[in-house]
Amino acid sequence: MTLLLHIAPRAQWDRARFAGVYRGETLDTEGFIHCSTLEQVVDVANKHYPGQNDLVLLCIDSSRVQAPVQFDTIETGERFPHIYGPLNVDAVTRTLPFPTREDGTFELPDGLAGAG
């Protein structure tokens, strides 16, 4: 099992839980759902979601994901996990609030610090 992390707007995740599948904001436009590793997620949040406080962090058990999961190399040479299809919500083992600090930046939630 590999722990995958995905940053989601709380309202979008709430709708997905009811529907049983999560599509994220990029499955239809890019063909996959962006994920991160524990080591990557804070940098991703600070780059793409600065100052947003309506977010949750989905903790995904990669062995339970029904769609294909692939680590793809991006332009920087870093490898990021992507889910190539809808995410079955039962693969999400925990959902953690992911608020910003006072300065608008992120840090790992207490429930994940040292979980690597």
PDB file of N, CA and C in Angstrom:
ATOM      1  N   MET A   1       0.835  -1.179   0.000  1.00  0.00           N
ATOM      2  CA  MET A   1       0.000   0.000   0.000  1.00  0.00           C
ATOM      3  C   MET A   1       0.877   1.240   0.000  1.00  0.00           C
ATOM      4  N   THR A   2       0.575   2.151  -0.872  1.00  0.00           N
ATOM      5  CA  THR A   2       1.222   3.449  -0.906  1.00  0.00           C
ATOM      6  C   THR A   2       0.190   4.487  -0.507  1.00  0.00           C
ATOM      7  N   LEU A   3       0.568   5.385   0.383  1.00  0.00           N
ATOM      8  CA  LEU A   3      -0.309   6.471   0.781  1.00  0.00           C
ATOM      9  C   LEU A   3      -0.258   7.555  -0.290  1.00  0.00           C
ATOM     10  N   LEU A   4      -1.400   7.834  -0.883  1.00  0.00           N
ATOM     11  CA  LEU A   4      -1.539   8.937  -1.817  1.00  0.00           C
ATOM     12  C   LEU A   4      -2.342  10.024  -1.139  1.00  0.00           C
ATOM     13  N   LEU A   5      -2.034  11.265  -1.445  1.00  0.00           N
ATOM     14  CA  LEU A   5      -2.762  12.395  -0.872  1.00  0.00           C
ATOM     15  C   LEU A   5      -3.336  13.232  -1.999  1.00  0.00           C
ATOM     16  N   HIS A   6      -4.542  13.727  -1.777  1.00  0.00           N
ATOM     17  CA  HIS A   6      -5.188  14.589  -2.762  1.00  0.00           C
ATOM     18  C   HIS A   6      -5.846  15.739  -2.028  1.00  0.00           C
ATOM     19  N   ILE A   7      -5.641  16.935  -2.519  1.00  0.00           N
ATOM     20  CA  ILE A   7      -6.236  18.148  -1.950  1.00  0.00           C
ATOM     21  C   ILE A   7      -7.550  18.403  -2.667  1.00  0.00           C
ATOM     22  N   ALA A   8      -8.622  18.548  -1.895  1.00  0.00           N
ATOM     23  CA  ALA A   8      -9.945  18.731  -2.494  1.00  0.00           C
ATOM     24  C   ALA A   8     -10.723  19.822  -1.773  1.00  0.00           C
ATOM     25  N   PRO A   9     -11.525  20.580  -2.515  1.00  0.00           N
ATOM     26  CA  PRO A   9     -12.463  21.484  -1.855  1.00  0.00           C
ATOM     27  C   PRO A   9     -13.454  20.657  -1.036  1.00  0.00           C
ATOM     28  N   ARG A  10     -13.733  21.095   0.166  1.00  0.00           N
ATOM     29  CA  ARG A  10     -14.603  20.335   1.074  1.00  0.00           C
ATOM     30  C   ARG A  10     -15.961  20.020   0.427  1.00  0.00           C
ATOM     31  N   ALA A  11     -16.592  20.992  -0.220  1.00  0.00           N
ATOM     32  CA  ALA A  11     -17.917  20.782  -0.811  1.00  0.00           C
ATOM     33  C   ALA A  11     -17.867  19.728  -1.916  1.00  0.00           C
ATOM     34  N   GLN A  12     -16.801  19.733  -2.703  1.00  0.00           N
ATOM     35  CA  GLN A  12     -16.658  18.750  -3.781  1.00  0.00           C
ATOM     36  C   GLN A  12     -16.527  17.339  -3.199  1.00  0.00           C
ATOM     37  N   TRP A  13     -15.756  17.194  -2.123  1.00  0.00           N
ATOM     38  CA  TRP A  13     -15.597  15.893  -1.482  1.00  0.00           C
ATOM     39  C   TRP A  13     -16.918  15.433  -0.857  1.00  0.00           C
ATOM     40  N   ASP A  14     -17.662  16.353  -0.248  1.00  0.00           N
ATOM     41  CA  ASP A  14     -18.952  15.998   0.344  1.00  0.00           C
ATOM     42  C   ASP A  14     -19.901  15.451  -0.722  1.00  0.00           C
ATOM     43  N   ARG A  15     -19.937  16.062  -1.891  1.00  0.00           N
ATOM     44  CA  ARG A  15     -20.788  15.574  -2.987  1.00  0.00           C
ATOM     45  C   ARG A  15     -20.316  14.194  -3.462  1.00  0.00           C
ATOM     46  N   ALA A  16     -19.017  13.999  -3.544  1.00  0.00           N
ATOM     47  CA  ALA A  16     -18.470  12.724  -3.998  1.00  0.00           C
ATOM     48  C   ALA A  16     -18.800  11.596  -3.031  1.00  0.00           C
ATOM     49  N   ARG A  17     -18.735  11.873  -1.754  1.00  0.00           N
ATOM     50  CA  ARG A  17     -19.063  10.838  -0.761  1.00  0.00           C
ATOM     51  C   ARG A  17     -20.491  10.351  -0.960  1.00  0.00           C
ATOM     52  N   PHE A  18     -21.378  11.259  -1.257  1.00  0.00           N
ATOM     53  CA  PHE A  18     -22.779  10.896  -1.496  1.00  0.00           C
ATOM     54  C   PHE A  18     -22.911  10.084  -2.784  1.00  0.00           C
ATOM     55  N   ALA A  19     -22.150  10.461  -3.816  1.00  0.00           N
ATOM     56  CA  ALA A  19     -22.226   9.797  -5.121  1.00  0.00           C
ATOM     57  C   ALA A  19     -21.475   8.461  -5.158  1.00  0.00           C
ATOM     58  N   GLY A  20     -20.492   8.296  -4.281  1.00  0.00           N
ATOM     59  CA  GLY A  20     -19.706   7.064  -4.252  1.00  0.00           C
ATOM     60  C   GLY A  20     -18.430   7.098  -5.071  1.00  0.00           C
ATOM     61  N   VAL A  21     -18.250   8.148  -5.890  1.00  0.00           N
ATOM     62  CA  VAL A  21     -17.024   8.313  -6.667  1.00  0.00           C
ATOM     63  C   VAL A  21     -16.616   9.782  -6.675  1.00  0.00           C
ATOM     64  N   TYR A  22     -15.322   9.989  -6.783  1.00  0.00           N
ATOM     65  CA  TYR A  22     -14.764  11.340  -6.825  1.00  0.00           C
ATOM     66  C   TYR A  22     -14.042  11.507  -8.153  1.00  0.00           C
ATOM     67  N   ARG A  23     -14.322  12.622  -8.834  1.00  0.00           N
ATOM     68  CA  ARG A  23     -13.701  12.881 -10.142  1.00  0.00           C
ATOM     69  C   ARG A  23     -12.691  14.020 -10.085  1.00  0.00           C
ATOM     70  N   GLY A  24     -12.715  14.803  -9.032  1.00  0.00           N
ATOM     71  CA  GLY A  24     -11.797  15.926  -8.930  1.00  0.00           C
ATOM     72  C   GLY A  24     -12.079  16.973  -9.987  1.00  0.00           C
ATOM     73  N   GLU A  25     -11.177  17.906 -10.106  1.00  0.00           N
ATOM     74  CA  GLU A  25     -11.345  18.996 -11.060  1.00  0.00           C
ATOM     75  C   GLU A  25     -10.623  18.724 -12.375  1.00  0.00           C
ATOM     76  N   THR A  26      -9.819  17.650 -12.441  1.00  0.00           N
ATOM     77  CA  THR A  26      -8.998  17.450 -13.637  1.00  0.00           C
ATOM     78  C   THR A  26      -9.233  16.138 -14.377  1.00  0.00           C
ATOM     79  N   LEU A  27     -10.037  15.255 -13.835  1.00  0.00           N
ATOM     80  CA  LEU A  27     -10.226  13.974 -14.520  1.00  0.00           C
ATOM     81  C   LEU A  27     -10.790  14.181 -15.926  1.00  0.00           C
ATOM     82  N   ASP A  28     -11.785  15.022 -16.054  1.00  0.00           N
ATOM     83  CA  ASP A  28     -12.402  15.241 -17.371  1.00  0.00           C
ATOM     84  C   ASP A  28     -11.538  16.093 -18.297  1.00  0.00           C
ATOM     85  N   THR A  29     -10.744  16.998 -17.740  1.00  0.00           N
ATOM     86  CA  THR A  29      -9.957  17.900 -18.588  1.00  0.00           C
ATOM     87  C   THR A  29      -8.548  17.382 -18.883  1.00  0.00           C
ATOM     88  N   GLU A  30      -7.950  16.628 -17.935  1.00  0.00           N
ATOM     89  CA  GLU A  30      -6.580  16.153 -18.121  1.00  0.00           C
ATOM     90  C   GLU A  30      -6.475  14.631 -18.212  1.00  0.00           C
ATOM     91  N   GLY A  31      -7.548  13.937 -17.854  1.00  0.00           N
ATOM     92  CA  GLY A  31      -7.551  12.482 -17.943  1.00  0.00           C
ATOM     93  C   GLY A  31      -7.111  11.759 -16.689  1.00  0.00           C
ATOM     94  N   PHE A  32      -6.813  12.503 -15.625  1.00  0.00           N
ATOM     95  CA  PHE A  32      -6.399  11.874 -14.367  1.00  0.00           C
ATOM     96  C   PHE A  32      -6.661  12.820 -13.206  1.00  0.00           C
ATOM     97  N   ILE A  33      -6.603  12.246 -12.004  1.00  0.00           N
ATOM     98  CA  ILE A  33      -6.726  13.008 -10.765  1.00  0.00           C
ATOM     99  C   ILE A  33      -5.319  13.186 -10.204  1.00  0.00           C
ATOM    100  N   HIS A  34      -4.933  14.419  -9.978  1.00  0.00           N
ATOM    101  CA  HIS A  34      -3.617  14.711  -9.414  1.00  0.00           C
ATOM    102  C   HIS A  34      -3.555  14.260  -7.954  1.00  0.00           C
ATOM    103  N   CYS A  35      -2.470  13.610  -7.595  1.00  0.00           N
ATOM    104  CA  CYS A  35      -2.214  13.243  -6.206  1.00  0.00           C
ATOM    105  C   CYS A  35      -0.779  13.626  -5.864  1.00  0.00           C
ATOM    106  N   SER A  36      -0.452  13.473  -4.602  1.00  0.00           N
ATOM    107  CA  SER A  36       0.890  13.770  -4.110  1.00  0.00           C
ATOM    108  C   SER A  36       1.299  12.702  -3.119  1.00  0.00           C
ATOM    109  N   THR A  37       2.588  12.638  -2.864  1.00  0.00           N
ATOM    110  CA  THR A  37       3.090  11.827  -1.760  1.00  0.00           C
ATOM    111  C   THR A  37       3.115  12.715  -0.516  1.00  0.00           C
ATOM    112  N   LEU A  38       3.390  12.110   0.597  1.00  0.00           N
ATOM    113  CA  LEU A  38       3.494  12.855   1.854  1.00  0.00           C
ATOM    114  C   LEU A  38       4.547  13.953   1.748  1.00  0.00           C
ATOM    115  N   GLU A  39       5.641  13.649   1.080  1.00  0.00           N
ATOM    116  CA  GLU A  39       6.732  14.616   0.945  1.00  0.00           C
ATOM    117  C   GLU A  39       6.403  15.753  -0.020  1.00  0.00           C
ATOM    118  N   GLN A  40       5.460  15.567  -0.905  1.00  0.00           N
ATOM    119  CA  GLN A  40       5.142  16.554  -1.937  1.00  0.00           C
ATOM    120  C   GLN A  40       3.970  17.468  -1.605  1.00  0.00           C
ATOM    121  N   VAL A  41       3.060  17.023  -0.762  1.00  0.00           N
ATOM    122  CA  VAL A  41       1.750  17.671  -0.659  1.00  0.00           C
ATOM    123  C   VAL A  41       1.800  19.112  -0.161  1.00  0.00           C
ATOM    124  N   VAL A  42       2.677  19.436   0.759  1.00  0.00           N
ATOM    125  CA  VAL A  42       2.739  20.810   1.268  1.00  0.00           C
ATOM    126  C   VAL A  42       3.216  21.772   0.178  1.00  0.00           C
ATOM    127  N   ASP A  43       4.230  21.384  -0.574  1.00  0.00           N
ATOM    128  CA  ASP A  43       4.698  22.230  -1.677  1.00  0.00           C
ATOM    129  C   ASP A  43       3.603  22.430  -2.721  1.00  0.00           C
ATOM    130  N   VAL A  44       2.877  21.365  -3.037  1.00  0.00           N
ATOM    131  CA  VAL A  44       1.776  21.460  -4.001  1.00  0.00           C
ATOM    132  C   VAL A  44       0.707  22.417  -3.481  1.00  0.00           C
ATOM    133  N   ALA A  45       0.345  22.285  -2.223  1.00  0.00           N
ATOM    134  CA  ALA A  45      -0.677  23.158  -1.631  1.00  0.00           C
ATOM    135  C   ALA A  45      -0.235  24.616  -1.653  1.00  0.00           C
ATOM    136  N   ASN A  46       1.006  24.858  -1.281  1.00  0.00           N
ATOM    137  CA  ASN A  46       1.497  26.241  -1.261  1.00  0.00           C
ATOM    138  C   ASN A  46       1.580  26.846  -2.659  1.00  0.00           C
ATOM    139  N   LYS A  47       1.825  26.020  -3.656  1.00  0.00           N
ATOM    140  CA  LYS A  47       1.916  26.519  -5.034  1.00  0.00           C
ATOM    141  C   LYS A  47       0.537  26.755  -5.654  1.00  0.00           C
ATOM    142  N   HIS A  48      -0.398  25.846  -5.414  1.00  0.00           N
ATOM    143  CA  HIS A  48      -1.674  25.883  -6.133  1.00  0.00           C
ATOM    144  C   HIS A  48      -2.870  26.365  -5.313  1.00  0.00           C
ATOM    145  N   TYR A  49      -2.771  26.390  -3.989  1.00  0.00           N
ATOM    146  CA  TYR A  49      -3.926  26.735  -3.153  1.00  0.00           C
ATOM    147  C   TYR A  49      -3.620  27.772  -2.075  1.00  0.00           C
ATOM    148  N   PRO A  50      -2.740  28.718  -2.301  1.00  0.00           N
ATOM    149  CA  PRO A  50      -2.386  29.648  -1.218  1.00  0.00           C
ATOM    150  C   PRO A  50      -3.617  30.405  -0.698  1.00  0.00           C
ATOM    151  N   GLY A  51      -3.737  30.457   0.625  1.00  0.00           N
ATOM    152  CA  GLY A  51      -4.798  31.223   1.265  1.00  0.00           C
ATOM    153  C   GLY A  51      -6.166  30.575   1.266  1.00  0.00           C
ATOM    154  N   GLN A  52      -6.327  29.396   0.674  1.00  0.00           N
ATOM    155  CA  GLN A  52      -7.641  28.743   0.631  1.00  0.00           C
ATOM    156  C   GLN A  52      -7.852  27.913   1.897  1.00  0.00           C
ATOM    157  N   ASN A  53      -8.989  28.104   2.525  1.00  0.00           N
ATOM    158  CA  ASN A  53      -9.266  27.411   3.780  1.00  0.00           C
ATOM    159  C   ASN A  53     -10.442  26.454   3.710  1.00  0.00           C
ATOM    160  N   ASP A  54     -10.979  26.214   2.540  1.00  0.00           N
ATOM    161  CA  ASP A  54     -12.121  25.305   2.403  1.00  0.00           C
ATOM    162  C   ASP A  54     -11.686  23.933   1.909  1.00  0.00           C
ATOM    163  N   LEU A  55     -10.463  23.528   2.244  1.00  0.00           N
ATOM    164  CA  LEU A  55      -9.870  22.318   1.683  1.00  0.00           C
ATOM    165  C   LEU A  55      -9.809  21.173   2.678  1.00  0.00           C
ATOM    166  N   VAL A  56      -9.843  19.964   2.130  1.00  0.00           N
ATOM    167  CA  VAL A  56      -9.585  18.764   2.918  1.00  0.00           C
ATOM    168  C   VAL A  56      -8.478  17.980   2.221  1.00  0.00           C
ATOM    169  N   LEU A  57      -7.820  17.158   2.986  1.00  0.00           N
ATOM    170  CA  LEU A  57      -6.761  16.310   2.465  1.00  0.00           C
ATOM    171  C   LEU A  57      -7.273  14.871   2.494  1.00  0.00           C
ATOM    172  N   LEU A  58      -7.390  14.271   1.312  1.00  0.00           N
ATOM    173  CA  LEU A  58      -7.843  12.890   1.215  1.00  0.00           C
ATOM    174  C   LEU A  58      -6.635  11.966   1.336  1.00  0.00           C
ATOM    175  N   CYS A  59      -6.708  11.043   2.271  1.00  0.00           N
ATOM    176  CA  CYS A  59      -5.664  10.033   2.460  1.00  0.00           C
ATOM    177  C   CYS A  59      -6.150   8.765   1.765  1.00  0.00           C
ATOM    178  N   ILE A  60      -5.462   8.386   0.710  1.00  0.00           N
ATOM    179  CA  ILE A  60      -5.919   7.328  -0.181  1.00  0.00           C
ATOM    180  C   ILE A  60      -4.993   6.124  -0.081  1.00  0.00           C
ATOM    181  N   ASP A  61      -5.588   4.957   0.117  1.00  0.00           N
ATOM    182  CA  ASP A  61      -4.850   3.693   0.109  1.00  0.00           C
ATOM    183  C   ASP A  61      -4.761   3.244  -1.349  1.00  0.00           C
ATOM    184  N   SER A  62      -3.589   3.330  -1.924  1.00  0.00           N
ATOM    185  CA  SER A  62      -3.421   3.035  -3.352  1.00  0.00           C
ATOM    186  C   SER A  62      -3.863   1.615  -3.712  1.00  0.00           C
ATOM    187  N   SER A  63      -3.758   0.683  -2.783  1.00  0.00           N
ATOM    188  CA  SER A  63      -4.132  -0.708  -3.075  1.00  0.00           C
ATOM    189  C   SER A  63      -5.639  -0.890  -3.175  1.00  0.00           C
ATOM    190  N   ARG A  64      -6.405   0.102  -2.728  1.00  0.00           N
ATOM    191  CA  ARG A  64      -7.867   0.020  -2.790  1.00  0.00           C
ATOM    192  C   ARG A  64      -8.452   0.811  -3.957  1.00  0.00           C
ATOM    193  N   VAL A  65      -7.624   1.560  -4.673  1.00  0.00           N
ATOM    194  CA  VAL A  65      -8.099   2.360  -5.800  1.00  0.00           C
ATOM    195  C   VAL A  65      -8.409   1.424  -6.968  1.00  0.00           C
ATOM    196  N   GLN A  66      -9.620   1.536  -7.516  1.00  0.00           N
ATOM    197  CA  GLN A  66     -10.029   0.653  -8.606  1.00  0.00           C
ATOM    198  C   GLN A  66      -9.478   1.112  -9.961  1.00  0.00           C
ATOM    199  N   ALA A  67      -9.289   2.403 -10.143  1.00  0.00           N
ATOM    200  CA  ALA A  67      -8.738   2.932 -11.395  1.00  0.00           C
ATOM    201  C   ALA A  67      -7.213   2.745 -11.387  1.00  0.00           C
ATOM    202  N   PRO A  68      -6.592   2.762 -12.554  1.00  0.00           N
ATOM    203  CA  PRO A  68      -5.130   2.649 -12.608  1.00  0.00           C
ATOM    204  C   PRO A  68      -4.445   3.831 -11.905  1.00  0.00           C
ATOM    205  N   VAL A  69      -3.398   3.524 -11.153  1.00  0.00           N
ATOM    206  CA  VAL A  69      -2.567   4.531 -10.494  1.00  0.00           C
ATOM    207  C   VAL A  69      -1.182   4.451 -11.131  1.00  0.00           C
ATOM    208  N   GLN A  70      -0.666   5.619 -11.491  1.00  0.00           N
ATOM    209  CA  GLN A  70       0.634   5.649 -12.160  1.00  0.00           C
ATOM    210  C   GLN A  70       1.440   6.838 -11.639  1.00  0.00           C
ATOM    211  N   PHE A  71       2.732   6.632 -11.441  1.00  0.00           N
ATOM    212  CA  PHE A  71       3.623   7.734 -11.098  1.00  0.00           C
ATOM    213  C   PHE A  71       4.204   8.271 -12.394  1.00  0.00           C
ATOM    214  N   ASP A  72       3.917   9.533 -12.683  1.00  0.00           N
ATOM    215  CA  ASP A  72       4.371  10.159 -13.914  1.00  0.00           C
ATOM    216  C   ASP A  72       5.436  11.205 -13.604  1.00  0.00           C
ATOM    217  N   THR A  73       6.435  11.280 -14.461  1.00  0.00           N
ATOM    218  CA  THR A  73       7.498  12.261 -14.317  1.00  0.00           C
ATOM    219  C   THR A  73       7.066  13.565 -14.980  1.00  0.00           C
ATOM    220  N   ILE A  74       7.172  14.663 -14.243  1.00  0.00           N
ATOM    221  CA  ILE A  74       6.819  15.970 -14.796  1.00  0.00           C
ATOM    222  C   ILE A  74       8.076  16.670 -15.288  1.00  0.00           C
ATOM    223  N   GLU A  75       7.909  17.895 -15.806  1.00  0.00           N
ATOM    224  CA  GLU A  75       9.015  18.628 -16.432  1.00  0.00           C
ATOM    225  C   GLU A  75      10.233  18.785 -15.514  1.00  0.00           C
ATOM    226  N   THR A  76      10.001  18.883 -14.206  1.00  0.00           N
ATOM    227  CA  THR A  76      11.097  19.085 -13.264  1.00  0.00           C
ATOM    228  C   THR A  76      11.874  17.800 -12.972  1.00  0.00           C
ATOM    229  N   GLY A  77      11.345  16.674 -13.452  1.00  0.00           N
ATOM    230  CA  GLY A  77      11.965  15.388 -13.164  1.00  0.00           C
ATOM    231  C   GLY A  77      11.352  14.696 -11.961  1.00  0.00           C
ATOM    232  N   GLU A  78      10.501  15.401 -11.237  1.00  0.00           N
ATOM    233  CA  GLU A  78       9.842  14.809 -10.070  1.00  0.00           C
ATOM    234  C   GLU A  78       8.702  13.897 -10.534  1.00  0.00           C
ATOM    235  N   ARG A  79       8.484  12.821  -9.769  1.00  0.00           N
ATOM    236  CA  ARG A  79       7.426  11.861 -10.099  1.00  0.00           C
ATOM    237  C   ARG A  79       6.230  12.068  -9.180  1.00  0.00           C
ATOM    238  N   PHE A  80       5.061  12.245  -9.793  1.00  0.00           N
ATOM    239  CA  PHE A  80       3.821  12.452  -9.044  1.00  0.00           C
ATOM    240  C   PHE A  80       2.842  11.330  -9.341  1.00  0.00           C
ATOM    241  N   PRO A  81       2.090  10.890  -8.314  1.00  0.00           N
ATOM    242  CA  PRO A  81       1.066   9.875  -8.541  1.00  0.00           C
ATOM    243  C   PRO A  81      -0.183  10.485  -9.171  1.00  0.00           C
ATOM    244  N   HIS A  82      -0.741   9.772 -10.143  1.00  0.00           N
ATOM    245  CA  HIS A  82      -1.974  10.175 -10.808  1.00  0.00           C
ATOM    246  C   HIS A  82      -2.935   8.989 -10.824  1.00  0.00           C
ATOM    247  N   ILE A  83      -4.213   9.278 -10.660  1.00  0.00           N
ATOM    248  CA  ILE A  83      -5.252   8.249 -10.737  1.00  0.00           C
ATOM    249  C   ILE A  83      -5.969   8.436 -12.070  1.00  0.00           C
ATOM    250  N   TYR A  84      -5.899   7.427 -12.926  1.00  0.00           N
ATOM    251  CA  TYR A  84      -6.444   7.506 -14.278  1.00  0.00           C
ATOM    252  C   TYR A  84      -7.868   6.945 -14.336  1.00  0.00           C
ATOM    253  N   GLY A  85      -8.759   7.612 -13.658  1.00  0.00           N
ATOM    254  CA  GLY A  85     -10.168   7.244 -13.641  1.00  0.00           C
ATOM    255  C   GLY A  85     -10.798   7.781 -12.376  1.00  0.00           C
ATOM    256  N   PRO A  86     -12.104   7.577 -12.216  1.00  0.00           N
ATOM    257  CA  PRO A  86     -12.767   8.048 -11.002  1.00  0.00           C
ATOM    258  C   PRO A  86     -12.205   7.339  -9.772  1.00  0.00           C
ATOM    259  N   LEU A  87     -12.146   8.055  -8.683  1.00  0.00           N
ATOM    260  CA  LEU A  87     -11.676   7.497  -7.414  1.00  0.00           C
ATOM    261  C   LEU A  87     -12.864   6.950  -6.645  1.00  0.00           C
ATOM    262  N   ASN A  88     -12.849   5.663  -6.371  1.00  0.00           N
ATOM    263  CA  ASN A  88     -13.870   5.061  -5.524  1.00  0.00           C
ATOM    264  C   ASN A  88     -13.658   5.569  -4.092  1.00  0.00           C
ATOM    265  N   VAL A  89     -14.715   6.091  -3.483  1.00  0.00           N
ATOM    266  CA  VAL A  89     -14.556   6.764  -2.192  1.00  0.00           C
ATOM    267  C   VAL A  89     -14.135   5.816  -1.068  1.00  0.00           C
ATOM    268  N   ASP A  90     -14.359   4.515  -1.226  1.00  0.00           N
ATOM    269  CA  ASP A  90     -13.928   3.601  -0.169  1.00  0.00           C
ATOM    270  C   ASP A  90     -12.415   3.394  -0.152  1.00  0.00           C
ATOM    271  N   ALA A  91     -11.696   3.942  -1.124  1.00  0.00           N
ATOM    272  CA  ALA A  91     -10.231   3.914  -1.097  1.00  0.00           C
ATOM    273  C   ALA A  91      -9.676   5.029  -0.211  1.00  0.00           C
ATOM    274  N   VAL A  92     -10.519   5.983   0.158  1.00  0.00           N
ATOM    275  CA  VAL A  92     -10.106   7.085   1.027  1.00  0.00           C
ATOM    276  C   VAL A  92     -10.243   6.613   2.473  1.00  0.00           C
ATOM    277  N   THR A  93      -9.112   6.485   3.143  1.00  0.00           N
ATOM    278  CA  THR A  93      -9.115   5.936   4.507  1.00  0.00           C
ATOM    279  C   THR A  93      -9.304   6.997   5.577  1.00  0.00           C
ATOM    280  N   ARG A  94      -8.919   8.233   5.256  1.00  0.00           N
ATOM    281  CA  ARG A  94      -9.092   9.355   6.186  1.00  0.00           C
ATOM    282  C   ARG A  94      -9.262  10.633   5.394  1.00  0.00           C
ATOM    283  N   THR A  95      -9.990  11.539   5.990  1.00  0.00           N
ATOM    284  CA  THR A  95     -10.130  12.880   5.439  1.00  0.00           C
ATOM    285  C   THR A  95      -9.755  13.849   6.542  1.00  0.00           C
ATOM    286  N   LEU A  96      -8.786  14.702   6.277  1.00  0.00           N
ATOM    287  CA  LEU A  96      -8.303  15.635   7.283  1.00  0.00           C
ATOM    288  C   LEU A  96      -8.562  17.071   6.842  1.00  0.00           C
ATOM    289  N   PRO A  97      -8.982  17.936   7.762  1.00  0.00           N
ATOM    290  CA  PRO A  97      -9.058  19.356   7.416  1.00  0.00           C
ATOM    291  C   PRO A  97      -7.673  19.835   7.002  1.00  0.00           C
ATOM    292  N   PHE A  98      -7.618  20.732   6.025  1.00  0.00           N
ATOM    293  CA  PHE A  98      -6.331  21.213   5.518  1.00  0.00           C
ATOM    294  C   PHE A  98      -6.356  22.739   5.435  1.00  0.00           C
ATOM    295  N   PRO A  99      -6.417  23.393   6.599  1.00  0.00           N
ATOM    296  CA  PRO A  99      -6.460  24.861   6.620  1.00  0.00           C
ATOM    297  C   PRO A  99      -5.074  25.465   6.443  1.00  0.00           C
ATOM    298  N   THR A 100      -5.066  26.732   6.121  1.00  0.00           N
ATOM    299  CA  THR A 100      -3.796  27.442   6.030  1.00  0.00           C
ATOM    300  C   THR A 100      -3.393  27.955   7.404  1.00  0.00           C
ATOM    301  N   ARG A 101      -2.126  28.284   7.507  1.00  0.00           N
ATOM    302  CA  ARG A 101      -1.639  28.988   8.699  1.00  0.00           C
ATOM    303  C   ARG A 101      -2.035  30.454   8.556  1.00  0.00           C
ATOM    304  N   GLU A 102      -1.734  31.248   9.550  1.00  0.00           N
ATOM    305  CA  GLU A 102      -2.092  32.668   9.530  1.00  0.00           C
ATOM    306  C   GLU A 102      -1.519  33.393   8.320  1.00  0.00           C
ATOM    307  N   ASP A 103      -0.359  32.955   7.838  1.00  0.00           N
ATOM    308  CA  ASP A 103       0.270  33.636   6.698  1.00  0.00           C
ATOM    309  C   ASP A 103      -0.227  33.108   5.346  1.00  0.00           C
ATOM    310  N   GLY A 104      -1.221  32.208   5.353  1.00  0.00           N
ATOM    311  CA  GLY A 104      -1.793  31.699   4.112  1.00  0.00           C
ATOM    312  C   GLY A 104      -1.089  30.491   3.536  1.00  0.00           C
ATOM    313  N   THR A 105      -0.052  29.979   4.220  1.00  0.00           N
ATOM    314  CA  THR A 105       0.672  28.803   3.743  1.00  0.00           C
ATOM    315  C   THR A 105       0.184  27.556   4.475  1.00  0.00           C
ATOM    316  N   PHE A 106       0.636  26.420   4.009  1.00  0.00           N
ATOM    317  CA  PHE A 106       0.200  25.142   4.563  1.00  0.00           C
ATOM    318  C   PHE A 106       1.321  24.432   5.301  1.00  0.00           C
ATOM    319  N   GLU A 107       0.917  23.522   6.166  1.00  0.00           N
ATOM    320  CA  GLU A 107       1.812  22.574   6.817  1.00  0.00           C
ATOM    321  C   GLU A 107       1.065  21.257   6.934  1.00  0.00           C
ATOM    322  N   LEU A 108       1.804  20.182   7.137  1.00  0.00           N
ATOM    323  CA  LEU A 108       1.150  18.885   7.289  1.00  0.00           C
ATOM    324  C   LEU A 108       0.210  18.918   8.491  1.00  0.00           C
ATOM    325  N   PRO A 109      -0.990  18.383   8.346  1.00  0.00           N
ATOM    326  CA  PRO A 109      -1.881  18.286   9.500  1.00  0.00           C
ATOM    327  C   PRO A 109      -1.266  17.393  10.574  1.00  0.00           C
ATOM    328  N   ASP A 110      -1.646  17.611  11.811  1.00  0.00           N
ATOM    329  CA  ASP A 110      -1.112  16.835  12.924  1.00  0.00           C
ATOM    330  C   ASP A 110      -1.263  15.335  12.692  1.00  0.00           C
ATOM    331  N   GLY A 111      -2.348  14.909  12.096  1.00  0.00           N
ATOM    332  CA  GLY A 111      -2.581  13.489  11.866  1.00  0.00           C
ATOM    333  C   GLY A 111      -1.635  12.857  10.867  1.00  0.00           C
ATOM    334  N   LEU A 112      -0.867  13.658  10.133  1.00  0.00           N
ATOM    335  CA  LEU A 112       0.055  13.114   9.127  1.00  0.00           C
ATOM    336  C   LEU A 112       1.520  13.349   9.438  1.00  0.00           C
ATOM    337  N   ALA A 113       1.812  14.291  10.285  1.00  0.00           N
ATOM    338  CA  ALA A 113       3.211  14.585  10.597  1.00  0.00           C
ATOM    339  C   ALA A 113       3.898  13.309  11.079  1.00  0.00           C
ATOM    340  N   GLY A 114       4.971  12.935  10.416  1.00  0.00           N
ATOM    341  CA  GLY A 114       5.729  11.730  10.780  1.00  0.00           C
ATOM    342  C   GLY A 114       5.113  10.439  10.265  1.00  0.00           C
ATOM    343  N   ALA A 115       4.094  10.517   9.391  1.00  0.00           N
ATOM    344  CA  ALA A 115       3.428   9.306   8.894  1.00  0.00           C
ATOM    345  C   ALA A 115       4.170   8.657   7.745  1.00  0.00           C
ATOM    346  N   GLY A 116       5.268   9.269   7.277  1.00  0.00           N
ATOM    347  CA  GLY A 116       5.992   8.730   6.133  1.00  0.00           C
ATOM    348  C   GLY A 116       6.577   7.409   6.424  1.00  0.00           C
TER     349      GLY A 116
END
